[in-house]
Amino acid sequence: MINRIDQLIRLQATGTPNELASKLGISKTKLYRILSIMRDFNAPVEYDIGSQNFVYEESVIYFRFGFYSEKLYKNNQAINM
């Protein structure tokens, strides 16, 4: 489910919370629980009223047992050099 939400966010195809919950076949309450879990894993996900989509506030490289911002990824790469 998290992978599907991530994919829809990247495609800017989530729509409103009601639309996204419907696309996923879940309640809006469950959607917000999942989004909260994603944030616990450092996903910078927010709802953009202008585009009526959930978006990442900063560039996210990938999801692999957590979300990693591009800035964090680059900092870790510099440290590991």
C-alpha atoms as a PDB file:
ATOM      1  CA  MET A   1       0.000   0.000   0.000  1.00  0.00           C
ATOM      2  CA  ILE A   2       2.812   2.434   0.869  1.00  0.00           C
ATOM      3  CA  ASN A   3       4.547   1.661  -2.419  1.00  0.00           C
ATOM      4  CA  ARG A   4       1.334   2.409  -4.334  1.00  0.00           C
ATOM      5  CA  ILE A   5       0.818   5.713  -2.514  1.00  0.00           C
ATOM      6  CA  ASP A   6       4.464   6.615  -3.166  1.00  0.00           C
ATOM      7  CA  GLN A   7       3.980   5.862  -6.862  1.00  0.00           C
ATOM      8  CA  LEU A   8       0.831   7.998  -7.082  1.00  0.00           C
ATOM      9  CA  ILE A   9       2.532  10.884  -5.275  1.00  0.00           C
ATOM     10  CA  ARG A  10       5.476  10.733  -7.686  1.00  0.00           C
ATOM     11  CA  LEU A  11       3.069  10.703 -10.644  1.00  0.00           C
ATOM     12  CA  GLN A  12       1.133  13.608  -9.104  1.00  0.00           C
ATOM     13  CA  ALA A  13      -1.954  11.452  -9.475  1.00  0.00           C
ATOM     14  CA  THR A  14      -3.310  11.182  -5.931  1.00  0.00           C
ATOM     15  CA  GLY A  15      -6.138  13.671  -6.252  1.00  0.00           C
ATOM     16  CA  THR A  16      -7.989  14.750  -3.147  1.00  0.00           C
ATOM     17  CA  PRO A  17      -7.922  12.662   0.024  1.00  0.00           C
ATOM     18  CA  ASN A  18     -11.357  11.248  -0.849  1.00  0.00           C
ATOM     19  CA  GLU A  19     -10.220  10.392  -4.390  1.00  0.00           C
ATOM     20  CA  LEU A  20      -7.021   8.741  -3.182  1.00  0.00           C
ATOM     21  CA  ALA A  21      -8.852   6.684  -0.575  1.00  0.00           C
ATOM     22  CA  SER A  22     -11.286   5.584  -3.284  1.00  0.00           C
ATOM     23  CA  LYS A  23      -8.456   4.661  -5.688  1.00  0.00           C
ATOM     24  CA  LEU A  24      -6.904   2.532  -2.956  1.00  0.00           C
ATOM     25  CA  GLY A  25     -10.193   1.012  -1.820  1.00  0.00           C
ATOM     26  CA  ILE A  26      -9.746   2.192   1.768  1.00  0.00           C
ATOM     27  CA  SER A  27     -11.397   4.696   4.079  1.00  0.00           C
ATOM     28  CA  LYS A  28     -10.095   8.227   4.404  1.00  0.00           C
ATOM     29  CA  THR A  29      -9.285   7.454   8.053  1.00  0.00           C
ATOM     30  CA  LYS A  30      -7.101   4.506   7.033  1.00  0.00           C
ATOM     31  CA  LEU A  31      -5.443   6.685   4.373  1.00  0.00           C
ATOM     32  CA  TYR A  32      -4.459   9.245   7.000  1.00  0.00           C
ATOM     33  CA  ARG A  33      -3.112   6.477   9.237  1.00  0.00           C
ATOM     34  CA  ILE A  34      -0.918   5.228   6.392  1.00  0.00           C
ATOM     35  CA  LEU A  35       0.266   8.767   5.605  1.00  0.00           C
ATOM     36  CA  SER A  36       1.169   9.164   9.282  1.00  0.00           C
ATOM     37  CA  ILE A  37       3.222   5.969   9.119  1.00  0.00           C
ATOM     38  CA  MET A  38       4.944   7.268   5.990  1.00  0.00           C
ATOM     39  CA  ARG A  39       5.833  10.473   7.851  1.00  0.00           C
ATOM     40  CA  ASP A  40       7.204   8.352  10.709  1.00  0.00           C
ATOM     41  CA  PHE A  41       9.565   6.887   8.089  1.00  0.00           C
ATOM     42  CA  ASN A  42      10.640  10.455   7.110  1.00  0.00           C
ATOM     43  CA  ALA A  43       8.369  10.916   4.085  1.00  0.00           C
ATOM     44  CA  PRO A  44       8.030  14.681   3.560  1.00  0.00           C
ATOM     45  CA  VAL A  45       4.462  14.218   2.290  1.00  0.00           C
ATOM     46  CA  GLU A  46       1.957  17.059   2.427  1.00  0.00           C
ATOM     47  CA  TYR A  47      -1.297  17.925   0.697  1.00  0.00           C
ATOM     48  CA  ASP A  48      -1.052  20.729  -1.880  1.00  0.00           C
ATOM     49  CA  ILE A  49      -4.349  22.593  -2.107  1.00  0.00           C
ATOM     50  CA  GLY A  50      -3.409  24.250  -5.411  1.00  0.00           C
ATOM     51  CA  SER A  51      -2.817  21.024  -7.321  1.00  0.00           C
ATOM     52  CA  GLN A  52      -5.238  19.010  -5.159  1.00  0.00           C
ATOM     53  CA  ASN A  53      -2.639  16.268  -4.785  1.00  0.00           C
ATOM     54  CA  PHE A  54      -0.406  14.895  -2.098  1.00  0.00           C
ATOM     55  CA  VAL A  55       3.182  15.908  -2.833  1.00  0.00           C
ATOM     56  CA  TYR A  56       6.648  15.503  -1.402  1.00  0.00           C
ATOM     57  CA  GLU A  57       7.820  18.831   0.056  1.00  0.00           C
ATOM     58  CA  GLU A  58      11.365  17.974  -0.960  1.00  0.00           C
ATOM     59  CA  SER A  59      12.858  15.560  -3.449  1.00  0.00           C
ATOM     60  CA  VAL A  60      12.660  11.935  -2.320  1.00  0.00           C
ATOM     61  CA  ILE A  61      15.067   9.539  -3.993  1.00  0.00           C
ATOM     62  CA  TYR A  62      13.465   6.231  -3.101  1.00  0.00           C
ATOM     63  CA  PHE A  63      11.543   4.292  -0.495  1.00  0.00           C
ATOM     64  CA  ARG A  64      13.320   1.366   1.085  1.00  0.00           C
ATOM     65  CA  PHE A  65      12.148   0.754   4.634  1.00  0.00           C
ATOM     66  CA  GLY A  66      12.049   4.517   5.012  1.00  0.00           C
ATOM     67  CA  PHE A  67      12.048   7.679   2.967  1.00  0.00           C
ATOM     68  CA  TYR A  68      15.278   9.529   2.313  1.00  0.00           C
ATOM     69  CA  SER A  69      15.408  13.116   1.144  1.00  0.00           C
ATOM     70  CA  GLU A  70      17.906  13.976  -1.548  1.00  0.00           C
ATOM     71  CA  LYS A  71      19.684  16.308   0.884  1.00  0.00           C
ATOM     72  CA  LEU A  72      20.039  13.552   3.493  1.00  0.00           C
ATOM     73  CA  TYR A  73      21.243  11.097   0.836  1.00  0.00           C
ATOM     74  CA  LYS A  74      23.921  13.530  -0.417  1.00  0.00           C
ATOM     75  CA  ASN A  75      25.062  14.272   3.151  1.00  0.00           C
ATOM     76  CA  ASN A  76      25.431  10.551   3.855  1.00  0.00           C
ATOM     77  CA  GLN A  77      27.353  10.059   0.613  1.00  0.00           C
ATOM     78  CA  ALA A  78      29.774  12.853   1.555  1.00  0.00           C
ATOM     79  CA  ILE A  79      30.317  11.343   5.004  1.00  0.00           C
ATOM     80  CA  ASN A  80      30.986   7.877   3.563  1.00  0.00           C
ATOM     81  CA  MET A  81      33.618   9.110   1.090  1.00  0.00           C
END
